Protein backbone atom coordinates (compact mmCIF):
# COMPACT_ATOMS: atom_id res chain seq x y z
CA MET A 1 0.00 0.00 0.00
CA SER A 2 2.81 2.43 0.73
CA GLU A 3 6.52 2.96 0.38
CA LYS A 4 8.74 4.65 2.89
CA LEU A 5 11.68 6.99 2.49
CA ILE A 6 10.91 8.25 -1.00
CA ASP A 7 12.61 11.26 -2.54
CA GLU A 8 9.78 13.62 -3.56
CA LYS A 9 11.51 14.80 -6.72
CA THR A 10 12.74 11.50 -8.14
CA SER A 11 10.27 9.07 -6.51
CA LYS A 12 13.22 6.78 -5.75
CA LYS A 13 13.97 5.20 -2.41
CA THR A 14 16.61 7.13 -0.51
CA GLU A 15 19.02 6.39 2.30
CA THR A 16 20.45 8.92 4.71
CA VAL A 17 23.33 7.85 6.92
CA VAL A 18 22.92 9.65 10.23
CA ASP A 19 26.35 10.24 11.71
CA SER A 20 25.89 13.81 12.96
CA PRO A 21 23.15 16.04 14.39
CA ASP A 22 22.88 17.92 11.08
CA LYS A 23 22.32 14.72 9.14
CA TRP A 24 19.65 13.63 11.59
CA LEU A 25 17.82 16.88 10.86
CA ALA A 26 18.13 16.13 7.14
CA ALA A 27 16.84 12.59 7.70
CA ASP A 28 13.73 14.05 9.35
CA GLU A 29 12.98 15.83 6.08
CA VAL A 30 12.80 12.56 4.14
CA ARG A 31 9.34 12.12 2.76
CA ALA A 32 7.10 9.10 2.65
CA ARG A 33 4.54 8.15 0.06
CA PHE A 34 1.06 6.95 0.92
CA THR A 35 -0.70 5.33 -2.02
CA ILE A 36 -4.46 4.97 -2.31
CA THR A 37 -5.59 2.43 -4.89
CA ARG A 38 -9.18 2.67 -6.10
CA PRO A 39 -11.21 -0.39 -7.16
CA ASP A 40 -10.71 0.58 -10.82
CA GLY A 41 -6.91 0.56 -10.35
CA GLU A 42 -6.53 4.37 -10.28
CA GLN A 43 -3.91 5.41 -7.74
CA SER A 44 -3.48 8.60 -5.78
CA VAL A 45 -0.13 9.27 -4.11
CA ILE A 46 -0.03 11.49 -1.05
CA LEU A 47 3.43 12.73 -0.05
CA LEU A 48 4.07 13.07 3.67
CA LYS A 49 6.78 14.54 5.87
CA GLY A 50 8.01 13.55 9.32
CA ILE A 51 6.46 15.10 12.41
CA PRO A 52 8.93 16.21 15.10
CA ALA A 53 8.38 14.66 18.53
CA ALA A 54 7.78 18.12 20.05
CA THR A 55 4.99 18.80 17.56
CA TYR A 56 3.39 15.40 18.16
CA TYR A 57 3.64 15.90 21.93
CA SER A 58 1.99 19.33 21.73
CA ILE A 59 -0.81 17.89 19.55
CA ASN A 60 -1.50 15.18 22.11
CA LYS A 61 -1.41 17.71 24.94
CA ALA A 62 -3.93 19.92 23.11
CA CYS A 63 -6.21 16.93 22.49
CA ARG A 64 -6.74 15.48 25.94
CA ALA A 65 -10.28 14.42 26.72
CA ILE A 66 -11.82 15.15 30.09
CA ASP A 67 -11.28 12.51 32.75
CA PRO A 68 -14.17 10.11 33.07
CA PRO A 69 -16.28 10.68 36.17
CA ILE A 70 -15.98 8.20 39.02
CA LYS A 71 -18.92 5.92 39.62
CA GLU A 72 -19.59 4.13 42.85
CA THR A 73 -20.81 0.57 42.71
CA PRO A 74 -21.99 -1.15 45.87
CA GLN A 75 -20.14 -4.36 46.70
CA THR A 76 -22.39 -7.40 46.44
CA ASP A 77 -22.26 -11.05 47.34
CA LYS A 78 -22.58 -13.94 44.87
CA ARG A 79 -26.36 -13.55 44.86
CA GLY A 80 -26.14 -9.85 44.01
CA LYS A 81 -27.19 -8.69 47.48
CA ILE A 82 -25.44 -5.53 48.74
CA ILE A 83 -22.99 -6.29 51.52
CA PRO A 84 -23.65 -3.81 54.35
CA GLY A 85 -20.66 -1.99 55.85
CA LEU A 86 -18.38 -2.28 52.80
CA GLU A 87 -17.31 0.82 50.96
CA PRO A 88 -18.61 0.98 47.38
CA LEU A 89 -16.14 0.29 44.58
CA ARG A 90 -14.95 3.49 42.90
CA GLU A 91 -14.03 3.20 39.24
CA PRO A 92 -13.96 5.40 36.12
CA ASN A 93 -17.25 5.54 34.23
CA TYR A 94 -16.18 5.18 30.60
CA GLU A 95 -19.85 4.99 29.60
CA ASP A 96 -20.59 8.57 30.73
CA PRO A 97 -22.09 10.51 27.78
CA LYS A 98 -20.07 13.69 28.48
CA TYR A 99 -16.84 11.67 28.64
CA ILE A 100 -17.66 9.83 25.39
CA GLU A 101 -18.48 13.11 23.65
CA SER A 102 -15.25 14.73 24.87
CA LYS A 103 -13.17 11.71 23.82
CA GLU A 104 -14.71 11.60 20.32
CA HIS A 105 -14.23 15.36 19.95
CA MET A 106 -10.57 15.20 20.97
CA ASP A 107 -9.88 12.09 18.85
CA GLY A 108 -11.22 13.98 15.81
CA LYS A 109 -9.12 17.02 16.63
CA ARG A 110 -5.99 14.86 17.07
CA MET A 111 -6.60 13.15 13.73
CA VAL A 112 -6.90 16.50 11.91
CA LEU A 113 -3.83 18.02 13.56
CA VAL A 114 -1.66 14.93 12.95
CA ILE A 115 -2.66 14.68 9.29
CA ASP A 116 -2.16 18.43 8.83
CA ALA A 117 1.32 18.24 10.42
CA ALA A 118 2.36 15.35 8.14
CA LEU A 119 1.15 16.84 4.86
CA PRO A 120 3.60 19.04 2.94
CA PHE A 121 0.76 21.54 2.40
CA ASP A 122 -1.74 23.12 4.77
CA ILE A 123 -5.22 21.64 4.81
CA PRO A 124 -7.63 24.44 3.81
CA GLY A 125 -9.20 26.16 6.81
CA ASP A 126 -8.31 28.68 9.48
CA ASN A 127 -8.71 26.30 12.43
CA TRP A 128 -8.93 22.58 13.12
CA LYS A 129 -12.74 22.55 12.83
CA GLU A 130 -12.62 24.03 9.32
CA LYS A 131 -9.85 21.61 8.39
CA HIS A 132 -11.97 18.76 9.80
CA LYS A 133 -14.87 19.88 7.62
CA TRP A 134 -12.60 19.84 4.56
CA LEU A 135 -11.36 16.33 5.42
CA GLN A 136 -14.97 15.18 5.85
CA ASN A 137 -15.45 15.79 2.12
CA ARG A 138 -12.82 13.13 1.35
CA VAL A 139 -13.53 9.39 1.20
CA PRO A 140 -13.75 8.23 4.85
CA GLY A 141 -11.64 5.10 4.37
CA ASP A 142 -8.88 7.17 2.78
CA ILE A 143 -8.71 9.44 5.84
CA ASP A 144 -8.71 6.51 8.28
CA LYS A 145 -5.98 4.66 6.35
CA LEU A 146 -3.90 7.83 5.96
CA TYR A 147 -4.12 8.58 9.68
CA GLY A 148 -3.25 4.98 10.55
CA PHE A 149 -0.25 5.05 8.21
CA ILE A 150 1.02 8.30 9.74
CA VAL A 151 0.66 7.07 13.32
CA TYR A 152 1.86 3.49 12.94
CA ASP A 153 4.36 3.73 10.09
CA LEU A 154 5.57 7.30 9.68
CA LEU A 155 5.79 7.98 13.43
CA ASN A 156 6.62 4.36 14.30
CA LEU A 157 4.28 4.53 17.29
CA GLY A 158 3.22 0.95 16.86
CA GLN A 159 6.63 0.04 18.33
CA ARG A 160 6.64 2.79 20.97
CA VAL A 161 7.69 1.74 24.45
CA GLY A 162 6.80 3.68 27.59
CA SER A 163 5.81 7.32 27.38
CA PHE A 164 8.75 8.81 25.47
CA LEU A 165 6.52 11.15 23.47
């Protein structure tokens, strides 16, 4: 579906040997190609650029959902009868409608900002909501696949360990 480390001008695979800080900066500029193949065989190639860790971190920071509210559940015995004298269990309520709405809102915002940061052009729009509206006029599967490619291949987050970013 896609090729990595493609020179934008020649469309040939490139290799950058990183043996100095300056060359690492140059390696970050290497572009990737994301190819969309339509059922009729027509292909669209979207060129992408790397996203610096600081940019990705600031996007994630700007896209945090609210914390889910805490729900209290009485402790019960095997028959489902409340056990008197025991404190109720306190756990996050991931089913809370306000939490779900906030999470969906922030996930959409993150998707737009990540895609916008990886594209070599600016998505039309003055803010993320306008950019989101523009993306909503694209084929939904294309957007999902593009976002997945950026996150799991271009950013290599599928192999991420710990909380480095």
